[in-house]
């Protein structure tokens, strides 16, 4: 009787192991399918990522934003104002006959 009960427990364990193994195999097949699907679309994504026009637009916009954030445009305006002030000061300091 004990041998029959032990055999029954082993059979239950074997059945559980088989079910677990089948579940794992199904999950693995699902992962393989997803991976193959992504790999199949990879050349398309690489090609779209290498669009020269798009890259140029992105770089141009990035450079424009960095230039504006650098403070150079404001410094240029300040220098232009200073230059204009100096020019006016020089004109005002010259005798009228020199103009």
PDB file of N, CA and C in Angstrom:
ATOM      1  N   UNK A   1       0.808  -1.185   0.000  1.00  0.00           N
ATOM      2  CA  UNK A   1       0.000   0.000   0.000  1.00  0.00           C
ATOM      3  C   UNK A   1       0.862   1.264   0.000  1.00  0.00           C
ATOM      4  N   UNK A   2       1.925   1.280   0.811  1.00  0.00           N
ATOM      5  CA  UNK A   2       2.803   2.447   0.874  1.00  0.00           C
ATOM      6  C   UNK A   2       3.493   2.679  -0.462  1.00  0.00           C
ATOM      7  N   UNK A   3       3.860   1.625  -1.133  1.00  0.00           N
ATOM      8  CA  UNK A   3       4.525   1.749  -2.439  1.00  0.00           C
ATOM      9  C   UNK A   3       3.569   2.395  -3.438  1.00  0.00           C
ATOM     10  N   UNK A   4       2.306   2.026  -3.412  1.00  0.00           N
ATOM     11  CA  UNK A   4       1.309   2.600  -4.324  1.00  0.00           C
ATOM     12  C   UNK A   4       1.108   4.081  -4.012  1.00  0.00           C
ATOM     13  N   UNK A   5       1.075   4.454  -2.739  1.00  0.00           N
ATOM     14  CA  UNK A   5       0.920   5.861  -2.371  1.00  0.00           C
ATOM     15  C   UNK A   5       2.147   6.675  -2.791  1.00  0.00           C
ATOM     16  N   UNK A   6       3.319   6.091  -2.581  1.00  0.00           N
ATOM     17  CA  UNK A   6       4.562   6.762  -2.986  1.00  0.00           C
ATOM     18  C   UNK A   6       4.593   6.952  -4.500  1.00  0.00           C
ATOM     19  N   UNK A   7       4.185   5.938  -5.236  1.00  0.00           N
ATOM     20  CA  UNK A   7       4.138   6.024  -6.697  1.00  0.00           C
ATOM     21  C   UNK A   7       3.166   7.121  -7.121  1.00  0.00           C
ATOM     22  N   UNK A   8       2.039   7.232  -6.428  1.00  0.00           N
ATOM     23  CA  UNK A   8       1.033   8.248  -6.737  1.00  0.00           C
ATOM     24  C   UNK A   8       1.600   9.655  -6.484  1.00  0.00           C
ATOM     25  N   UNK A   9       2.334   9.844  -5.380  1.00  0.00           N
ATOM     26  CA  UNK A   9       2.958  11.145  -5.087  1.00  0.00           C
ATOM     27  C   UNK A   9       4.006  11.499  -6.147  1.00  0.00           C
ATOM     28  N   UNK A  10       4.786  10.492  -6.534  1.00  0.00           N
ATOM     29  CA  UNK A  10       5.777  10.730  -7.591  1.00  0.00           C
ATOM     30  C   UNK A  10       5.096  11.108  -8.904  1.00  0.00           C
ATOM     31  N   UNK A  11       3.993  10.465  -9.201  1.00  0.00           N
ATOM     32  CA  UNK A  11       3.266  10.770 -10.430  1.00  0.00           C
ATOM     33  C   UNK A  11       2.725  12.200 -10.382  1.00  0.00           C
ATOM     34  N   UNK A  12       2.196  12.619  -9.226  1.00  0.00           N
ATOM     35  CA  UNK A  12       1.700  13.994  -9.069  1.00  0.00           C
ATOM     36  C   UNK A  12       2.838  14.996  -9.253  1.00  0.00           C
ATOM     37  N   UNK A  13       3.989  14.707  -8.652  1.00  0.00           N
ATOM     38  CA  UNK A  13       5.148  15.594  -8.802  1.00  0.00           C
ATOM     39  C   UNK A  13       5.599  15.649 -10.259  1.00  0.00           C
ATOM     40  N   UNK A  14       5.606  14.501 -10.908  1.00  0.00           N
ATOM     41  CA  UNK A  14       5.987  14.455 -12.313  1.00  0.00           C
ATOM     42  C   UNK A  14       5.010  15.243 -13.171  1.00  0.00           C
ATOM     43  N   UNK A  15       3.716  15.123 -12.875  1.00  0.00           N
ATOM     44  CA  UNK A  15       2.707  15.868 -13.626  1.00  0.00           C
ATOM     45  C   UNK A  15       2.866  17.377 -13.415  1.00  0.00           C
ATOM     46  N   UNK A  16       3.120  17.790 -12.164  1.00  0.00           N
ATOM     47  CA  UNK A  16       3.340  19.211 -11.878  1.00  0.00           C
ATOM     48  C   UNK A  16       4.586  19.728 -12.600  1.00  0.00           C
ATOM     49  N   UNK A  17       5.623  18.927 -12.565  1.00  0.00           N
ATOM     50  CA  UNK A  17       6.861  19.308 -13.254  1.00  0.00           C
ATOM     51  C   UNK A  17       6.617  19.439 -14.760  1.00  0.00           C
ATOM     52  N   UNK A  18       5.876  18.517 -15.318  1.00  0.00           N
ATOM     53  CA  UNK A  18       5.570  18.552 -16.748  1.00  0.00           C
ATOM     54  C   UNK A  18       4.759  19.810 -17.088  1.00  0.00           C
ATOM     55  N   UNK A  19       3.779  20.148 -16.240  1.00  0.00           N
ATOM     56  CA  UNK A  19       2.972  21.353 -16.471  1.00  0.00           C
ATOM     57  C   UNK A  19       3.839  22.607 -16.401  1.00  0.00           C
ATOM     58  N   UNK A  20       4.711  22.655 -15.392  1.00  0.00           N
ATOM     59  CA  UNK A  20       5.621  23.787 -15.247  1.00  0.00           C
ATOM     60  C   UNK A  20       6.529  23.900 -16.467  1.00  0.00           C
ATOM     61  N   UNK A  21       7.053  22.792 -16.905  1.00  0.00           N
ATOM     62  CA  UNK A  21       7.927  22.760 -18.081  1.00  0.00           C
ATOM     63  C   UNK A  21       7.182  23.234 -19.330  1.00  0.00           C
ATOM     64  N   UNK A  22       5.949  22.810 -19.493  1.00  0.00           N
ATOM     65  CA  UNK A  22       5.147  23.250 -20.643  1.00  0.00           C
ATOM     66  C   UNK A  22       4.880  24.756 -20.582  1.00  0.00           C
ATOM     67  N   UNK A  23       4.578  25.271 -19.379  1.00  0.00           N
ATOM     68  CA  UNK A  23       4.342  26.704 -19.219  1.00  0.00           C
ATOM     69  C   UNK A  23       5.593  27.514 -19.577  1.00  0.00           C
ATOM     70  N   UNK A  24       6.724  27.057 -19.106  1.00  0.00           N
ATOM     71  CA  UNK A  24       7.985  27.739 -19.391  1.00  0.00           C
ATOM     72  C   UNK A  24       8.269  27.711 -20.893  1.00  0.00           C
ATOM     73  N   UNK A  25       8.029  26.593 -21.510  1.00  0.00           N
ATOM     74  CA  UNK A  25       8.264  26.476 -22.951  1.00  0.00           C
ATOM     75  C   UNK A  25       7.361  27.445 -23.719  1.00  0.00           C
ATOM     76  N   UNK A  26       6.110  27.570 -23.324  1.00  0.00           N
ATOM     77  CA  UNK A  26       5.195  28.500 -23.987  1.00  0.00           C
ATOM     78  C   UNK A  26       5.664  29.951 -23.825  1.00  0.00           C
ATOM     79  N   UNK A  27       6.104  30.293 -22.628  1.00  0.00           N
ATOM     80  CA  UNK A  27       6.611  31.641 -22.397  1.00  0.00           C
ATOM     81  C   UNK A  27       7.852  31.907 -23.234  1.00  0.00           C
ATOM     82  N   UNK A  28       8.736  30.938 -23.298  1.00  0.00           N
ATOM     83  CA  UNK A  28       9.956  31.087 -24.095  1.00  0.00           C
ATOM     84  C   UNK A  28       9.611  31.287 -25.568  1.00  0.00           C
ATOM     85  N   UNK A  29       8.661  30.526 -26.062  1.00  0.00           N
ATOM     86  CA  UNK A  29       8.254  30.685 -27.459  1.00  0.00           C
ATOM     87  C   UNK A  29       7.665  32.075 -27.701  1.00  0.00           C
ATOM     88  N   UNK A  30       6.907  32.567 -26.744  1.00  0.00           N
ATOM     89  CA  UNK A  30       6.363  33.929 -26.848  1.00  0.00           C
ATOM     90  C   UNK A  30       7.475  34.968 -26.887  1.00  0.00           C
ATOM     91  N   UNK A  31       8.480  34.826 -26.040  1.00  0.00           N
ATOM     92  CA  UNK A  31       9.607  35.751 -26.033  1.00  0.00           C
ATOM     93  C   UNK A  31      10.381  35.682 -27.344  1.00  0.00           C
ATOM     94  N   UNK A  32      10.593  34.474 -27.837  1.00  0.00           N
ATOM     95  CA  UNK A  32      11.307  34.304 -29.107  1.00  0.00           C
ATOM     96  C   UNK A  32      10.536  34.992 -30.236  1.00  0.00           C
ATOM     97  N   UNK A  33       9.211  34.838 -30.249  1.00  0.00           N
ATOM     98  CA  UNK A  33       8.395  35.476 -31.281  1.00  0.00           C
ATOM     99  C   UNK A  33       8.524  36.996 -31.204  1.00  0.00           C
ATOM    100  N   UNK A  34       8.430  37.551 -29.993  1.00  0.00           N
ATOM    101  CA  UNK A  34       8.557  39.001 -29.828  1.00  0.00           C
ATOM    102  C   UNK A  34       9.930  39.492 -30.270  1.00  0.00           C
ATOM    103  N   UNK A  35      10.958  38.748 -29.889  1.00  0.00           N
ATOM    104  CA  UNK A  35      12.321  39.128 -30.254  1.00  0.00           C
ATOM    105  C   UNK A  35      12.516  39.083 -31.768  1.00  0.00           C
ATOM    106  N   UNK A  36      12.044  38.020 -32.401  1.00  0.00           N
ATOM    107  CA  UNK A  36      12.175  37.915 -33.855  1.00  0.00           C
ATOM    108  C   UNK A  36      11.398  39.030 -34.547  1.00  0.00           C
ATOM    109  N   UNK A  37      10.254  39.373 -34.010  1.00  0.00           N
ATOM    110  CA  UNK A  37       9.448  40.449 -34.580  1.00  0.00           C
ATOM    111  C   UNK A  37      10.187  41.783 -34.486  1.00  0.00           C
ATOM    112  N   UNK A  38      10.802  42.045 -33.350  1.00  0.00           N
ATOM    113  CA  UNK A  38      11.559  43.290 -33.189  1.00  0.00           C
ATOM    114  C   UNK A  38      12.783  43.310 -34.087  1.00  0.00           C
ATOM    115  N   UNK A  39      13.454  42.190 -34.216  1.00  0.00           N
ATOM    116  CA  UNK A  39      14.632  42.113 -35.084  1.00  0.00           C
ATOM    117  C   UNK A  39      14.237  42.333 -36.541  1.00  0.00           C
ATOM    118  N   UNK A  40      13.082  41.807 -36.937  1.00  0.00           N
ATOM    119  CA  UNK A  40      12.621  41.981 -38.313  1.00  0.00           C
ATOM    120  C   UNK A  40      12.354  43.456 -38.615  1.00  0.00           C
ATOM    121  N   UNK A  41      11.900  44.238 -37.630  1.00  0.00           N
ATOM    122  CA  UNK A  41      11.613  45.663 -37.834  1.00  0.00           C
ATOM    123  C   UNK A  41      12.832  46.541 -37.624  1.00  0.00           C
ATOM    124  N   UNK A  42      13.921  45.976 -37.162  1.00  0.00           N
ATOM    125  CA  UNK A  42      15.115  46.759 -36.841  1.00  0.00           C
ATOM    126  C   UNK A  42      15.677  47.526 -38.038  1.00  0.00           C
ATOM    127  N   UNK A  43      15.849  46.917 -39.217  1.00  0.00           N
ATOM    128  CA  UNK A  43      16.380  47.690 -40.348  1.00  0.00           C
ATOM    129  C   UNK A  43      15.532  48.913 -40.673  1.00  0.00           C
ATOM    130  N   UNK A  44      14.230  48.781 -40.583  1.00  0.00           N
ATOM    131  CA  UNK A  44      13.310  49.900 -40.835  1.00  0.00           C
ATOM    132  C   UNK A  44      13.549  51.017 -39.825  1.00  0.00           C
ATOM    133  N   UNK A  45      13.706  50.649 -38.561  1.00  0.00           N
ATOM    134  CA  UNK A  45      13.929  51.650 -37.521  1.00  0.00           C
ATOM    135  C   UNK A  45      15.304  52.298 -37.687  1.00  0.00           C
ATOM    136  N   UNK A  46      16.299  51.517 -38.053  1.00  0.00           N
ATOM    137  CA  UNK A  46      17.636  52.074 -38.267  1.00  0.00           C
ATOM    138  C   UNK A  46      17.596  53.058 -39.430  1.00  0.00           C
ATOM    139  N   UNK A  47      16.929  52.680 -40.500  1.00  0.00           N
ATOM    140  CA  UNK A  47      16.843  53.552 -41.671  1.00  0.00           C
ATOM    141  C   UNK A  47      16.145  54.860 -41.321  1.00  0.00           C
ATOM    142  N   UNK A  48      15.055  54.784 -40.580  1.00  0.00           N
ATOM    143  CA  UNK A  48      14.343  56.013 -40.212  1.00  0.00           C
ATOM    144  C   UNK A  48      15.194  56.856 -39.265  1.00  0.00           C
ATOM    145  N   UNK A  49      16.017  56.209 -38.461  1.00  0.00           N
ATOM    146  CA  UNK A  49      16.894  56.941 -37.552  1.00  0.00           C
ATOM    147  C   UNK A  49      18.056  57.598 -38.259  1.00  0.00           C
ATOM    148  N   UNK A  50      18.376  57.144 -39.471  1.00  0.00           N
ATOM    149  CA  UNK A  50      19.493  57.700 -40.225  1.00  0.00           C
ATOM    150  C   UNK A  50      19.045  58.706 -41.282  1.00  0.00           C
ATOM    151  N   UNK A  51      17.866  59.246 -41.150  1.00  0.00           N
ATOM    152  CA  UNK A  51      17.338  60.236 -42.083  1.00  0.00           C
ATOM    153  C   UNK A  51      18.165  61.513 -41.961  1.00  0.00           C
ATOM    154  N   UNK A  52      18.963  61.811 -42.994  1.00  0.00           N
ATOM    155  CA  UNK A  52      19.889  62.944 -42.948  1.00  0.00           C
ATOM    156  C   UNK A  52      19.158  64.265 -42.757  1.00  0.00           C
ATOM    157  N   UNK A  53      18.023  64.441 -43.419  1.00  0.00           N
ATOM    158  CA  UNK A  53      17.261  65.684 -43.281  1.00  0.00           C
ATOM    159  C   UNK A  53      16.795  65.864 -41.835  1.00  0.00           C
ATOM    160  N   UNK A  54      16.293  64.790 -41.265  1.00  0.00           N
ATOM    161  CA  UNK A  54      15.794  64.850 -39.884  1.00  0.00           C
ATOM    162  C   UNK A  54      16.942  65.156 -38.923  1.00  0.00           C
ATOM    163  N   UNK A  55      18.079  64.507 -39.131  1.00  0.00           N
ATOM    164  CA  UNK A  55      19.241  64.737 -38.268  1.00  0.00           C
ATOM    165  C   UNK A  55      19.701  66.185 -38.390  1.00  0.00           C
ATOM    166  N   UNK A  56      19.736  66.706 -39.620  1.00  0.00           N
ATOM    167  CA  UNK A  56      20.153  68.091 -39.836  1.00  0.00           C
ATOM    168  C   UNK A  56      19.207  69.060 -39.129  1.00  0.00           C
ATOM    169  N   UNK A  57      17.899  68.809 -39.218  1.00  0.00           N
ATOM    170  CA  UNK A  57      16.935  69.683 -38.541  1.00  0.00           C
ATOM    171  C   UNK A  57      17.141  69.644 -37.022  1.00  0.00           C
ATOM    172  N   UNK A  58      17.330  68.440 -36.485  1.00  0.00           N
ATOM    173  CA  UNK A  58      17.524  68.315 -35.039  1.00  0.00           C
ATOM    174  C   UNK A  58      18.803  69.018 -34.582  1.00  0.00           C
ATOM    175  N   UNK A  59      19.888  68.832 -35.345  1.00  0.00           N
ATOM    176  CA  UNK A  59      21.145  69.485 -34.993  1.00  0.00           C
ATOM    177  C   UNK A  59      21.031  71.002 -35.101  1.00  0.00           C
ATOM    178  N   UNK A  60      20.384  71.464 -36.153  1.00  0.00           N
ATOM    179  CA  UNK A  60      20.217  72.903 -36.357  1.00  0.00           C
ATOM    180  C   UNK A  60      19.439  73.521 -35.196  1.00  0.00           C
ATOM    181  N   UNK A  61      18.353  72.878 -34.821  1.00  0.00           N
ATOM    182  CA  UNK A  61      17.539  73.398 -33.718  1.00  0.00           C
ATOM    183  C   UNK A  61      18.322  73.364 -32.408  1.00  0.00           C
ATOM    184  N   UNK A  62      19.063  72.292 -32.194  1.00  0.00           N
ATOM    185  CA  UNK A  62      19.855  72.180 -30.975  1.00  0.00           C
ATOM    186  C   UNK A  62      20.924  73.274 -30.928  1.00  0.00           C
ATOM    187  N   UNK A  63      21.597  73.503 -32.050  1.00  0.00           N
ATOM    188  CA  UNK A  63      22.614  74.559 -32.108  1.00  0.00           C
ATOM    189  C   UNK A  63      21.991  75.929 -31.876  1.00  0.00           C
ATOM    190  N   UNK A  64      20.824  76.158 -32.471  1.00  0.00           N
ATOM    191  CA  UNK A  64      20.136  77.439 -32.304  1.00  0.00           C
ATOM    192  C   UNK A  64      19.812  77.675 -30.829  1.00  0.00           C
ATOM    193  N   UNK A  65      19.266  76.646 -30.173  1.00  0.00           N
ATOM    194  CA  UNK A  65      18.907  76.780 -28.761  1.00  0.00           C
ATOM    195  C   UNK A  65      20.140  77.004 -27.891  1.00  0.00           C
ATOM    196  N   UNK A  66      21.211  76.257 -28.175  1.00  0.00           N
ATOM    197  CA  UNK A  66      22.445  76.430 -27.396  1.00  0.00           C
ATOM    198  C   UNK A  66      23.037  77.818 -27.606  1.00  0.00           C
ATOM    199  N   UNK A  67      22.961  78.324 -28.840  1.00  0.00           N
ATOM    200  CA  UNK A  67      23.464  79.667 -29.137  1.00  0.00           C
ATOM    201  C   UNK A  67      22.684  80.708 -28.340  1.00  0.00           C
ATOM    202  N   UNK A  68      21.353  80.567 -28.329  1.00  0.00           N
ATOM    203  CA  UNK A  68      20.527  81.525 -27.590  1.00  0.00           C
ATOM    204  C   UNK A  68      20.794  81.433 -26.088  1.00  0.00           C
ATOM    205  N   UNK A  69      20.992  80.233 -25.582  1.00  0.00           N
ATOM    206  CA  UNK A  69      21.250  80.042 -24.151  1.00  0.00           C
ATOM    207  C   UNK A  69      22.651  80.504 -23.749  1.00  0.00           C
ATOM    208  N   UNK A  70      23.568  80.601 -24.719  1.00  0.00           N
ATOM    209  CA  UNK A  70      24.950  80.963 -24.409  1.00  0.00           C
ATOM    210  C   UNK A  70      25.094  82.415 -23.979  1.00  0.00           C
ATOM    211  N   UNK A  71      24.122  83.244 -24.345  1.00  0.00           N
ATOM    212  CA  UNK A  71      24.210  84.654 -23.992  1.00  0.00           C
ATOM    213  C   UNK A  71      24.927  85.478 -25.049  1.00  0.00           C
ATOM    214  N   UNK A  72      25.430  84.858 -26.099  1.00  0.00           N
ATOM    215  CA  UNK A  72      26.147  85.593 -27.143  1.00  0.00           C
ATOM    216  C   UNK A  72      25.267  86.617 -27.855  1.00  0.00           C
ATOM    217  N   UNK A  73      24.014  86.302 -28.186  1.00  0.00           N
ATOM    218  CA  UNK A  73      23.193  87.336 -28.828  1.00  0.00           C
ATOM    219  C   UNK A  73      23.022  88.581 -27.948  1.00  0.00           C
ATOM    220  N   UNK A  74      22.821  88.387 -26.663  1.00  0.00           N
ATOM    221  CA  UNK A  74      22.673  89.522 -25.747  1.00  0.00           C
ATOM    222  C   UNK A  74      23.977  90.303 -25.654  1.00  0.00           C
ATOM    223  N   UNK A  75      25.099  89.588 -25.617  1.00  0.00           N
ATOM    224  CA  UNK A  75      26.403  90.262 -25.563  1.00  0.00           C
ATOM    225  C   UNK A  75      26.631  91.064 -26.838  1.00  0.00           C
ATOM    226  N   UNK A  76      26.233  90.513 -27.987  1.00  0.00           N
ATOM    227  CA  UNK A  76      26.396  91.227 -29.255  1.00  0.00           C
ATOM    228  C   UNK A  76      25.552  92.501 -29.256  1.00  0.00           C
ATOM    229  N   UNK A  77      24.318  92.417 -28.759  1.00  0.00           N
ATOM    230  CA  UNK A  77      23.465  93.608 -28.690  1.00  0.00           C
ATOM    231  C   UNK A  77      24.076  94.661 -27.769  1.00  0.00           C
ATOM    232  N   UNK A  78      24.630  94.204 -26.680  1.00  0.00           N
ATOM    233  CA  UNK A  78      25.266  95.116 -25.729  1.00  0.00           C
ATOM    234  C   UNK A  78      26.466  95.805 -26.377  1.00  0.00           C
ATOM    235  N   UNK A  79      27.282  95.046 -27.093  1.00  0.00           N
ATOM    236  CA  UNK A  79      28.444  95.615 -27.781  1.00  0.00           C
ATOM    237  C   UNK A  79      28.014  96.587 -28.873  1.00  0.00           C
ATOM    238  N   UNK A  80      26.936  96.252 -29.583  1.00  0.00           N
ATOM    239  CA  UNK A  80      26.426  97.165 -30.617  1.00  0.00           C
ATOM    240  C   UNK A  80      25.982  98.473 -29.983  1.00  0.00           C
ATOM    241  N   UNK A  81      25.304  98.378 -28.867  1.00  0.00           N
ATOM    242  CA  UNK A  81      24.874  99.588 -28.159  1.00  0.00           C
ATOM    243  C   UNK A  81      26.052 100.411 -27.698  1.00  0.00           C
ATOM    244  N   UNK A  82      27.065  99.755 -27.152  1.00  0.00           N
ATOM    245  CA  UNK A  82      28.269 100.447 -26.692  1.00  0.00           C
ATOM    246  C   UNK A  82      28.971 101.113 -27.864  1.00  0.00           C
ATOM    247  N   UNK A  83      29.067 100.402 -28.970  1.00  0.00           N
ATOM    248  CA  UNK A  83      29.703 100.954 -30.168  1.00  0.00           C
ATOM    249  C   UNK A  83      28.954 102.175 -30.674  1.00  0.00           C
ATOM    250  N   UNK A  84      27.626 102.078 -30.692  1.00  0.00           N
ATOM    251  CA  UNK A  84      26.815 103.219 -31.137  1.00  0.00           C
ATOM    252  C   UNK A  84      27.012 104.396 -30.190  1.00  0.00           C
ATOM    253  N   UNK A  85      27.060 104.162 -28.887  1.00  0.00           N
ATOM    254  CA  UNK A  85      27.279 105.230 -27.910  1.00  0.00           C
ATOM    255  C   UNK A  85      28.642 105.883 -28.114  1.00  0.00           C
ATOM    256  N   UNK A  86      29.671 105.048 -28.360  1.00  0.00           N
ATOM    257  CA  UNK A  86      31.015 105.588 -28.573  1.00  0.00           C
ATOM    258  C   UNK A  86      31.070 106.419 -29.853  1.00  0.00           C
ATOM    259  N   UNK A  87      30.403 105.951 -30.896  1.00  0.00           N
ATOM    260  CA  UNK A  87      30.374 106.695 -32.154  1.00  0.00           C
ATOM    261  C   UNK A  87      29.710 108.047 -31.945  1.00  0.00           C
ATOM    262  N   UNK A  88      28.584 108.059 -31.236  1.00  0.00           N
ATOM    263  CA  UNK A  88      27.889 109.322 -30.952  1.00  0.00           C
ATOM    264  C   UNK A  88      28.769 110.245 -30.114  1.00  0.00           C
ATOM    265  N   UNK A  89      29.461 109.673 -29.135  1.00  0.00           N
ATOM    266  CA  UNK A  89      30.318 110.486 -28.267  1.00  0.00           C
ATOM    267  C   UNK A  89      31.456 111.101 -29.069  1.00  0.00           C
ATOM    268  N   UNK A  90      32.022 110.337 -29.997  1.00  0.00           N
ATOM    269  CA  UNK A  90      33.101 110.858 -30.830  1.00  0.00           C
ATOM    270  C   UNK A  90      32.582 111.976 -31.729  1.00  0.00           C
ATOM    271  N   UNK A  91      31.401 111.781 -32.298  1.00  0.00           N
ATOM    272  CA  UNK A  91      30.830 112.805 -33.182  1.00  0.00           C
ATOM    273  C   UNK A  91      30.537 114.080 -32.406  1.00  0.00           C
ATOM    274  N   UNK A  92      30.059 113.912 -31.194  1.00  0.00           N
ATOM    275  CA  UNK A  92      29.712 115.086 -30.390  1.00  0.00           C
ATOM    276  C   UNK A  92      30.949 115.828 -29.891  1.00  0.00           C
ATOM    277  N   UNK A  93      32.085 115.113 -29.772  1.00  0.00           N
ATOM    278  CA  UNK A  93      33.283 115.754 -29.260  1.00  0.00           C
ATOM    279  C   UNK A  93      34.078 116.449 -30.375  1.00  0.00           C
ATOM    280  N   UNK A  94      33.808 116.126 -31.645  1.00  0.00           N
ATOM    281  CA  UNK A  94      34.527 116.749 -32.747  1.00  0.00           C
ATOM    282  C   UNK A  94      33.978 118.149 -32.986  1.00  0.00           C
ATOM    283  N   UNK A  95      34.876 119.060 -33.422  1.00  0.00           N
ATOM    284  CA  UNK A  95      34.382 120.393 -33.756  1.00  0.00           C
ATOM    285  C   UNK A  95      33.446 120.316 -34.958  1.00  0.00           C
ATOM    286  N   UNK A  96      32.547 121.213 -35.078  1.00  0.00           N
ATOM    287  CA  UNK A  96      31.554 121.216 -36.154  1.00  0.00           C
ATOM    288  C   UNK A  96      32.239 121.304 -37.515  1.00  0.00           C
ATOM    289  N   UNK A  97      33.327 121.903 -37.616  1.00  0.00           N
ATOM    290  CA  UNK A  97      34.014 122.030 -38.914  1.00  0.00           C
ATOM    291  C   UNK A  97      34.598 120.726 -39.381  1.00  0.00           C
ATOM    292  N   UNK A  98      34.879 119.780 -38.451  1.00  0.00           N
ATOM    293  CA  UNK A  98      35.464 118.482 -38.821  1.00  0.00           C
ATOM    294  C   UNK A  98      34.414 117.572 -39.411  1.00  0.00           C
ATOM    295  N   UNK A  99      33.143 117.841 -39.150  1.00  0.00           N
ATOM    296  CA  UNK A  99      32.067 117.004 -39.675  1.00  0.00           C
ATOM    297  C   UNK A  99      31.800 117.423 -41.080  1.00  0.00           C
TER     298      UNK A  99
END
